[in-house]
Each structure stands twice: as C-alpha cells, then as structure tokens.
PDB file of N, CA and C in Angstrom:
ATOM      1  N   UNK A   1     101.671  97.276  78.508  1.00  0.00           N
ATOM      2  CA  UNK A   1     102.543  96.754  79.535  1.00  0.00           C
ATOM      3  C   UNK A   1     102.201  97.414  80.869  1.00  0.00           C
ATOM      4  N   UNK A   2     102.203  96.630  81.922  1.00  0.00           N
ATOM      5  CA  UNK A   2     101.872  97.129  83.248  1.00  0.00           C
ATOM      6  C   UNK A   2     103.095  97.797  83.857  1.00  0.00           C
ATOM      7  N   UNK A   3     102.884  98.943  84.459  1.00  0.00           N
ATOM      8  CA  UNK A   3     104.002  99.679  85.031  1.00  0.00           C
ATOM      9  C   UNK A   3     104.541  98.988  86.285  1.00  0.00           C
ATOM     10  N   UNK A   4     105.790  99.271  86.599  1.00  0.00           N
ATOM     11  CA  UNK A   4     106.419  98.728  87.796  1.00  0.00           C
ATOM     12  C   UNK A   4     105.663  99.153  89.040  1.00  0.00           C
ATOM     13  N   UNK A   5     105.197 100.389  89.074  1.00  0.00           N
ATOM     14  CA  UNK A   5     104.468 100.883  90.244  1.00  0.00           C
ATOM     15  C   UNK A   5     103.190 100.077  90.476  1.00  0.00           C
ATOM     16  N   UNK A   6     102.510  99.725  89.421  1.00  0.00           N
ATOM     17  CA  UNK A   6     101.292  98.915  89.570  1.00  0.00           C
ATOM     18  C   UNK A   6     101.620  97.525  90.100  1.00  0.00           C
ATOM     19  N   UNK A   7     102.745  96.950  89.664  1.00  0.00           N
ATOM     20  CA  UNK A   7     103.165  95.649  90.187  1.00  0.00           C
ATOM     21  C   UNK A   7     103.474  95.755  91.666  1.00  0.00           C
ATOM     22  N   UNK A   8     104.162  96.833  92.065  1.00  0.00           N
ATOM     23  CA  UNK A   8     104.490  97.017  93.484  1.00  0.00           C
ATOM     24  C   UNK A   8     103.227  97.102  94.325  1.00  0.00           C
ATOM     25  N   UNK A   9     102.258  97.863  93.854  1.00  0.00           N
ATOM     26  CA  UNK A   9     100.990  97.994  94.588  1.00  0.00           C
ATOM     27  C   UNK A   9     100.293  96.639  94.680  1.00  0.00           C
ATOM     28  N   UNK A  10     100.286  95.903  93.594  1.00  0.00           N
ATOM     29  CA  UNK A  10      99.660  94.586  93.585  1.00  0.00           C
ATOM     30  C   UNK A  10     100.351  93.643  94.567  1.00  0.00           C
ATOM     31  N   UNK A  11     101.673  93.651  94.583  1.00  0.00           N
ATOM     32  CA  UNK A  11     102.420  92.787  95.507  1.00  0.00           C
ATOM     33  C   UNK A  11     102.177  93.213  96.944  1.00  0.00           C
ATOM     34  N   UNK A  12     102.148  94.509  97.205  1.00  0.00           N
ATOM     35  CA  UNK A  12     101.867  94.993  98.560  1.00  0.00           C
ATOM     36  C   UNK A  12     100.481  94.531  99.015  1.00  0.00           C
ATOM     37  N   UNK A  13      99.496  94.634  98.141  1.00  0.00           N
ATOM     38  CA  UNK A  13      98.140  94.200  98.483  1.00  0.00           C
ATOM     39  C   UNK A  13      98.083  92.694  98.710  1.00  0.00           C
ATOM     40  N   UNK A  14      98.763  91.952  97.855  1.00  0.00           N
ATOM     41  CA  UNK A  14      98.804  90.498  98.000  1.00  0.00           C
ATOM     42  C   UNK A  14      99.504  90.104  99.291  1.00  0.00           C
ATOM     43  N   UNK A  15     100.615  90.758  99.590  1.00  0.00           N
ATOM     44  CA  UNK A  15     101.361  90.467 100.817  1.00  0.00           C
ATOM     45  C   UNK A  15     100.501  90.747 102.048  1.00  0.00           C
ATOM     46  N   UNK A  16      99.764  91.840 102.032  1.00  0.00           N
ATOM     47  CA  UNK A  16      98.886  92.181 103.162  1.00  0.00           C
ATOM     48  C   UNK A  16      97.794  91.127 103.330  1.00  0.00           C
ATOM     49  N   UNK A  17      97.219  90.678 102.234  1.00  0.00           N
ATOM     50  CA  UNK A  17      96.183  89.650 102.288  1.00  0.00           C
ATOM     51  C   UNK A  17      96.749  88.340 102.845  1.00  0.00           C
ATOM     52  N   UNK A  18      97.882  87.920 102.307  1.00  0.00           N
ATOM     53  CA  UNK A  18      98.503  86.670 102.754  1.00  0.00           C
ATOM     54  C   UNK A  18      98.881  86.756 104.225  1.00  0.00           C
ATOM     55  N   UNK A  19      99.422  87.900 104.624  1.00  0.00           N
ATOM     56  CA  UNK A  19      99.779  88.082 106.032  1.00  0.00           C
ATOM     57  C   UNK A  19      98.542  87.933 106.920  1.00  0.00           C
ATOM     58  N   UNK A  20      97.425  88.473 106.486  1.00  0.00           N
ATOM     59  CA  UNK A  20      96.192  88.353 107.251  1.00  0.00           C
ATOM     60  C   UNK A  20      95.661  86.932 107.313  1.00  0.00           C
ATOM     61  N   UNK A  21      95.925  86.147 106.288  1.00  0.00           N
ATOM     62  CA  UNK A  21      95.424  84.773 106.219  1.00  0.00           C
ATOM     63  C   UNK A  21      96.324  83.764 106.929  1.00  0.00           C
ATOM     64  N   UNK A  22      97.634  83.879 106.708  1.00  0.00           N
ATOM     65  CA  UNK A  22      98.540  82.845 107.232  1.00  0.00           C
ATOM     66  C   UNK A  22      99.702  83.400 108.051  1.00  0.00           C
ATOM     67  N   UNK A  23      99.826  84.693 108.135  1.00  0.00           N
ATOM     68  CA  UNK A  23     100.848  85.281 108.988  1.00  0.00           C
ATOM     69  C   UNK A  23     102.024  85.897 108.247  1.00  0.00           C
ATOM     70  N   UNK A  24     102.711  86.750 108.965  1.00  0.00           N
ATOM     71  CA  UNK A  24     103.831  87.501 108.405  1.00  0.00           C
ATOM     72  C   UNK A  24     105.019  86.612 108.052  1.00  0.00           C
ATOM     73  N   UNK A  25     105.175  85.493 108.737  1.00  0.00           N
ATOM     74  CA  UNK A  25     106.317  84.608 108.456  1.00  0.00           C
ATOM     75  C   UNK A  25     106.304  84.123 107.005  1.00  0.00           C
ATOM     76  N   UNK A  26     105.135  83.844 106.477  1.00  0.00           N
ATOM     77  CA  UNK A  26     105.030  83.390 105.087  1.00  0.00           C
ATOM     78  C   UNK A  26     105.432  84.499 104.133  1.00  0.00           C
ATOM     79  N   UNK A  27     104.937  85.700 104.375  1.00  0.00           N
ATOM     80  CA  UNK A  27     105.290  86.849 103.530  1.00  0.00           C
ATOM     81  C   UNK A  27     106.789  87.099 103.595  1.00  0.00           C
ATOM     82  N   UNK A  28     107.342  87.086 104.787  1.00  0.00           N
ATOM     83  CA  UNK A  28     108.777  87.321 104.953  1.00  0.00           C
ATOM     84  C   UNK A  28     109.602  86.250 104.250  1.00  0.00           C
ATOM     85  N   UNK A  29     109.125  85.012 104.271  1.00  0.00           N
ATOM     86  CA  UNK A  29     109.836  83.920 103.602  1.00  0.00           C
ATOM     87  C   UNK A  29     109.862  84.126 102.092  1.00  0.00           C
ATOM     88  N   UNK A  30     108.750  84.594 101.530  1.00  0.00           N
ATOM     89  CA  UNK A  30     108.715  84.839 100.087  1.00  0.00           C
ATOM     90  C   UNK A  30     109.667  85.980  99.734  1.00  0.00           C
ATOM     91  N   UNK A  31     109.623  87.066 100.484  1.00  0.00           N
ATOM     92  CA  UNK A  31     110.553  88.162 100.218  1.00  0.00           C
ATOM     93  C   UNK A  31     112.002  87.684 100.352  1.00  0.00           C
ATOM     94  N   UNK A  32     112.294  86.909 101.400  1.00  0.00           N
ATOM     95  CA  UNK A  32     113.653  86.425 101.630  1.00  0.00           C
ATOM     96  C   UNK A  32     114.145  85.556 100.475  1.00  0.00           C
ATOM     97  N   UNK A  33     113.242  84.791  99.885  1.00  0.00           N
ATOM     98  CA  UNK A  33     113.612  83.934  98.748  1.00  0.00           C
ATOM     99  C   UNK A  33     114.205  84.760  97.604  1.00  0.00           C
ATOM    100  N   UNK A  34     113.762  86.011  97.502  1.00  0.00           N
ATOM    101  CA  UNK A  34     114.246  86.910  96.463  1.00  0.00           C
ATOM    102  C   UNK A  34     115.239  87.931  97.002  1.00  0.00           C
ATOM    103  N   UNK A  35     115.790  87.673  98.190  1.00  0.00           N
ATOM    104  CA  UNK A  35     116.801  88.543  98.765  1.00  0.00           C
ATOM    105  C   UNK A  35     116.262  89.892  99.190  1.00  0.00           C
ATOM    106  N   UNK A  36     115.006  89.948  99.590  1.00  0.00           N
ATOM    107  CA  UNK A  36     114.367  91.214  99.940  1.00  0.00           C
ATOM    108  C   UNK A  36     113.687  91.105 101.303  1.00  0.00           C
ATOM    109  N   UNK A  37     113.402  92.253 101.884  1.00  0.00           N
ATOM    110  CA  UNK A  37     112.625  92.310 103.114  1.00  0.00           C
ATOM    111  C   UNK A  37     111.294  93.023 102.895  1.00  0.00           C
ATOM    112  N   UNK A  38     111.151  93.635 101.722  1.00  0.00           N
ATOM    113  CA  UNK A  38     109.906  94.317 101.354  1.00  0.00           C
ATOM    114  C   UNK A  38     109.840  94.427  99.836  1.00  0.00           C
ATOM    115  N   UNK A  39     108.716  94.917  99.340  1.00  0.00           N
ATOM    116  CA  UNK A  39     108.558  95.072  97.894  1.00  0.00           C
ATOM    117  C   UNK A  39     109.568  96.078  97.337  1.00  0.00           C
ATOM    118  N   UNK A  40     109.968  97.039  98.129  1.00  0.00           N
ATOM    119  CA  UNK A  40     110.927  98.043  97.673  1.00  0.00           C
ATOM    120  C   UNK A  40     112.310  97.439  97.412  1.00  0.00           C
ATOM    121  N   UNK A  41     112.605  96.329  98.062  1.00  0.00           N
ATOM    122  CA  UNK A  41     113.907  95.664  97.891  1.00  0.00           C
ATOM    123  C   UNK A  41     113.956  94.735  96.683  1.00  0.00           C
ATOM    124  N   UNK A  42     112.807  94.436  96.096  1.00  0.00           N
ATOM    125  CA  UNK A  42     112.764  93.498  94.973  1.00  0.00           C
ATOM    126  C   UNK A  42     113.330  94.125  93.708  1.00  0.00           C
ATOM    127  N   UNK A  43     114.038  93.321  92.969  1.00  0.00           N
ATOM    128  CA  UNK A  43     114.515  93.735  91.656  1.00  0.00           C
ATOM    129  C   UNK A  43     113.297  93.870  90.744  1.00  0.00           C
ATOM    130  N   UNK A  44     113.189  94.956  89.988  1.00  0.00           N
ATOM    131  CA  UNK A  44     112.029  95.134  89.111  1.00  0.00           C
ATOM    132  C   UNK A  44     111.781  93.955  88.169  1.00  0.00           C
ATOM    133  N   UNK A  45     112.824  93.273  87.775  1.00  0.00           N
ATOM    134  CA  UNK A  45     112.654  92.128  86.878  1.00  0.00           C
ATOM    135  C   UNK A  45     112.009  90.936  87.574  1.00  0.00           C
ATOM    136  N   UNK A  46     112.054  90.924  88.909  1.00  0.00           N
ATOM    137  CA  UNK A  46     111.484  89.815  89.665  1.00  0.00           C
ATOM    138  C   UNK A  46     110.069  90.090  90.146  1.00  0.00           C
ATOM    139  N   UNK A  47     109.568  91.287  89.919  1.00  0.00           N
ATOM    140  CA  UNK A  47     108.259  91.648  90.454  1.00  0.00           C
ATOM    141  C   UNK A  47     107.156  90.700  90.023  1.00  0.00           C
ATOM    142  N   UNK A  48     107.135  90.316  88.780  1.00  0.00           N
ATOM    143  CA  UNK A  48     106.075  89.454  88.278  1.00  0.00           C
ATOM    144  C   UNK A  48     106.031  88.109  88.988  1.00  0.00           C
ATOM    145  N   UNK A  49     107.161  87.479  89.175  1.00  0.00           N
ATOM    146  CA  UNK A  49     107.171  86.141  89.729  1.00  0.00           C
ATOM    147  C   UNK A  49     107.172  86.056  91.244  1.00  0.00           C
ATOM    148  N   UNK A  50     107.410  87.143  91.916  1.00  0.00           N
ATOM    149  CA  UNK A  50     107.595  87.113  93.361  1.00  0.00           C
ATOM    150  C   UNK A  50     106.452  86.467  94.121  1.00  0.00           C
ATOM    151  N   UNK A  51     105.239  86.934  93.944  1.00  0.00           N
ATOM    152  CA  UNK A  51     104.118  86.404  94.694  1.00  0.00           C
ATOM    153  C   UNK A  51     103.193  85.568  93.832  1.00  0.00           C
ATOM    154  N   UNK A  52     103.477  85.448  92.577  1.00  0.00           N
ATOM    155  CA  UNK A  52     102.643  84.686  91.662  1.00  0.00           C
ATOM    156  C   UNK A  52     102.569  83.225  92.091  1.00  0.00           C
ATOM    157  N   UNK A  53     103.619  82.716  92.693  1.00  0.00           N
ATOM    158  CA  UNK A  53     103.678  81.297  93.059  1.00  0.00           C
ATOM    159  C   UNK A  53     102.779  80.927  94.215  1.00  0.00           C
ATOM    160  N   UNK A  54     102.440  81.902  95.070  1.00  0.00           N
ATOM    161  CA  UNK A  54     101.655  81.532  96.253  1.00  0.00           C
ATOM    162  C   UNK A  54     100.239  82.091  96.221  1.00  0.00           C
ATOM    163  N   UNK A  55      99.882  82.753  95.147  1.00  0.00           N
ATOM    164  CA  UNK A  55      98.523  83.313  95.082  1.00  0.00           C
ATOM    165  C   UNK A  55      97.595  82.298  94.465  1.00  0.00           C
TER     166      UNK A  55
END
C-alpha cells in the first residue's frame, strides 16, 4: 500500500505540472472541488481521486 505522504508528494508534483501547463486556476478549481486550497487540506481518503480525473 502506498503511504499518504507519497500520495501528497505525487499530487503536489501533478499540481505543479498542471499549473505550468494550463494555469493555477485549474489547480485551484480541482482543490476547491474537494473543499481544499492545497494538498494539506485534502482528506486522506480523497487523495487517490483528487487529481486522477485530470491527469
């Protein structure tokens, strides 16, 4: 099983990549969909699905 910390790092890396490609508004919209403003605000149970939909 992958640790929560590894998921956070993966989401942070994905968010940085997406921000570089299409802008911060898209990243912020995905976080907002899950009631968060950053990866630290995400519920650990939601980590897997958070950015999986847009990658």
